[in-house]
Structures are given as C-alpha cells and as structure tokens.
Amino acid sequence: MLYWHTSNDRPWIITRYEIVYWEDGNSNDTVTINLTDFTDNQTDFILDLSYLELDREYLFKLKPHSIEGPGNFSGALPVFTGRCLPAPPTDVLVDRDCPHMVWMVSWIRVQEAVWNLTKFQVLISSSMDSQILVEVPIVNQEIKDYIINITTFNISNEYTINISAVGIEGTGKYSTDLNVHPPRCVPTPPWNLTVTRQCPYTWVLSWNEPNFTNVDIIGFQIRFIAADSPTRYLDVAATSSESSNKSHKIDLYGLNMSQEHSIQVSSVGIEGLGNYSEIFYFFPQRCIPPPPILGIQRHCPGPWELVWQNDLHGRGWVISQYEVMRTSSIGQTELFQIAVVEQNQTFYSLTMDDLDVDGEYNFTVRGFTGDGPGNFSVVMRYQPERCVPFPPVSIYLHQTEMSTLVVTWSTSDQSPIIGTHFEVMLKHRESNHTMTQLIQASVSSDSDYQTTFVDLISLNTYLVTLREYSEEGPSNYTEVMEIQLS
C-alpha cells in the first residue's frame, strides 16, 4: 500500500494524481498511474501495490494535477516489496522423560501474528555432531504450544537449538540461540539427615532415599562444609536398603566437638550426580554418661560410704573418673576425684570418716569421659547416721525384799557397736516420780547386767525402761515393763 496526505485548505482543485514508479537501477522502464477516483475534499489517499513483484526495490514519484496544469513531482520514495514472514517462536525449552533416552523440545507460537503458518523448522547443531533439521507441520492454526521428542542427543555434548516459523511467503527468523547440555536423569536429593553419637568413638550420619525418583540410585556423595577448612567430599556406594523407608547410614570419625558442622548429601545415578540436599547443621554430640543414682551407708563403728552405680543404661561409655561434690550445712564445699580403673565395675564408692553427726550434707556425683563431664546427679541430702547400740534385751524384774527391786538385762547379739553405759529409768506410777541409774558397760559384747533400786513403797506400781549409750548417742528405749511390789 502507498499512502499520502494533502492539506484540506488548498486553494486549487486537484483533478488527478500522476504516480510514476520504476525498479531501482532500471529508470528507463517507468510505469505511470493516473488516479482520478476521489472527492474534492479528500486529504488521505491509498494505492494498492499488491501487484508488484516480491523482493524488489522500487522508486515512486507523485505529481498532482489541477485544472490549470500539473504541479511538480515529489521526491523519489523507495519502496521494498518484502515478504510477510512470521516472527520466531518464544519460550524454547528442553526437558527429559526420565529415565528414557528421550528429550522434549518445546516452544510457544506467537499468536498475535496476522499470517498463516505452514510448519516450524527446528535446527539442532553441535560442534561434535552433524546438524539436524526437524520440520513440524501445522495442522491447526489455533494451537499455541508445541513439543517434539528427540532421541539422538548425547548427554556429553552441548547443543544449540533454533526454531523458525514458516509462512506462506517464506521462512521467518530463527529464535534466539538456546545453548543446552541435554538434561541428565539424576536422582532427587536425599532427606531426613540426622547425626547421632555411637559412644564411645563414632558419630552416625543417616539419611533416607528420595521418596519419589524414577532413576536407579547407585551411590551417594557427602559434602562436608567448614568455615575454616576446605570442603571435603566422601563417596558412598549404595547398599541394600536397611528398612522400608530406604534409610542409609555411615560412621563419621574425628569430628571437632568445639565447632558447628554442615553436611549435605546427594544421590548418584547412572548418568551422574543429582542436586544436594538442604544443608544440615549440627554440633557433634558429646559422649557423656547420665547422672548416677546415689546411696549412702554407715559401717558402724567405722566410716560412711557414698555409693553410686556406673553406666546405669548400659550404653558403653568409657568413663575415666567420677567427681563427688560434698557441701556441708555451714556452706563448705569439697570435691573428690575417684579414678575408674576397670570399666566393668558396676558400683563405685567414696569412704568418708570426717562427717559431723550433728551436721547435714548435700552430695552430688558426675562422671567424666574423653568428651568431658556429664551432668551432676540429683542432690542427695543426708543427715549422718549415728552409730548407736540396739536396745537391751532379756529384761527381768524381781523383788528381793519388801522395798527392793532388782533389774537384770543383757546386750543384743545384733548390736553393731559395744556401748559405753546403760541408763535404767524407774518411774513411780502414782506420783510420776522418776529415778535413774547409769551402769557402766563391759568391754565384752555378751555380758549380763543388773542393778538394784531400794527404799521403794510396798503395794505400789513401778514402770521400768532401759537404753544403752555409745559415744555418738543413745539407743532407743526398751518397751516399758510394769511391776507391783508386794
């Protein structure tokens, strides 16, 4: 189409337009067109040039005529009769139908174009392979998305893909170069990374295989990330799954327990390494024992013995020593270290002969391994046990004269200690008057004793009870015995 415009306030009346054109470079072969079919006040004009040959360059001149004669020609206007070619497709992508050796090349047609398409041309080139041209016919002008399958890619090569649309008048421009390595079929990342301690020497890294993957997994790669050292990699061959959730694990050695560690795991397929899992951050768990359970006992008349149990849960810690903390009621704190010589011992103890029987103490214990100390046990509060005899036994009361009462007794065979003396208490029931006698104890543990109360009142009732003393205090009283004098 040739367009031109004239002013509507012209003082003359145009009767016709003379249009002269010729092919560029051939000015001797001109064509003249006279345009007379228009109104007097028309200002815009259109001349159909569809009859011109395509791919030619022409020069056009235009001269108006009035009733008084012709005007001047306009300057020469170059016109190129180019073809109406479609725009290149967009969104060119390459994907893979794993695990098959089939790649999908997809693209989107430009829908806004006014031309009809006949086909697409997909050009695939590589420096290592010969060029491939695939033609995709258009069967429906309304289809926007297109896809084709390619089975000739080599996953080791890089390819350049260009696509052009072909219309009635020819082939349009190719799309922008898409440089791709054909996608490999690699597994998705593992998940559920955890690190636990296998005391006393190793840590165990475990993970689960991907839940959904259509690629066979032949191994894993573990990446260790540290801020102060180079990244390390460890390749692990895939073994048979240890459980229904396809879990795997390996032992780790020599982790620095004073810093945080970062680990990622990637699945490895036949065609290569997949993406790494999310980073798993952890501080290495220390191998420390649980708090012991405490007890204390007295071996009269000897010292006290604090006792605790080693490795209550049987987890196999290698314990080097125990630390006992003792705090008195006056606020004095003391620490005792007990070396562990044999790991197969069940019970450990601390012997103490310096406890004050009038005081009170708090005890707590913790164990040590090569990784450091464990937690202290629950504090045990203890009032030191006194070493006192058992109450006297075999007590016998008899009246020898009208106002005389004889009390006899023996020491208990089960008594843990030989006392220093006995206290014999006689109470008059009616008046509550009490008389007490202290009897020196014998150095022999099987002695019999007696004492006599005189000037008692006849026909009155008396109550008798006894107890034995040691250096640390008295035993309990015997049961009260009753006698009525004659």
Foldseek 3Di string as FASTA:
>chain_A
DDKDFDDQPDPFFWQWKWKKKDFPPCVVDIDIDIGRPDDRRDTMDDDDPVVDDAQTKMWMWMWTATPVGIDDIDDIDIDHRYDQAADAWDDWDWADPPPDLKIKTKTWGDLVDPFAFFWKWKWKDFPVDHIDIDIGGDPDRPDTMDMDIDNPADLVTKMWIWMWTATPRGIDDTDDTDIDRHDHQWAAEWDDWDWADQPDFWIKTKTFGDPDGPFDFQWKKKWKDDPPDDIDIDIGGDDPAPDPRRMDMDIDGDDDQVDKIWMWMWTAGPRGTDDIDPIDIDRHDHDFAAWWDWDKDDQPPAWIKIKTFPRPPPSDHDWAWKKKWKAKPVGDIDIDIGGDDDPPDTMDIDTDGPDDLPIKMWMWMWTAGPRGIDDIDDIDIDRDDHQEWAFWDPWDWDADDQFKIKIKTWGDPPTSDFFQWKKKWKAFVVVRDIDIDIGGGDPDRTDMDMDMDGPHDAQTKMKIWMWTHHPRGIHDIDDIDMDHGD
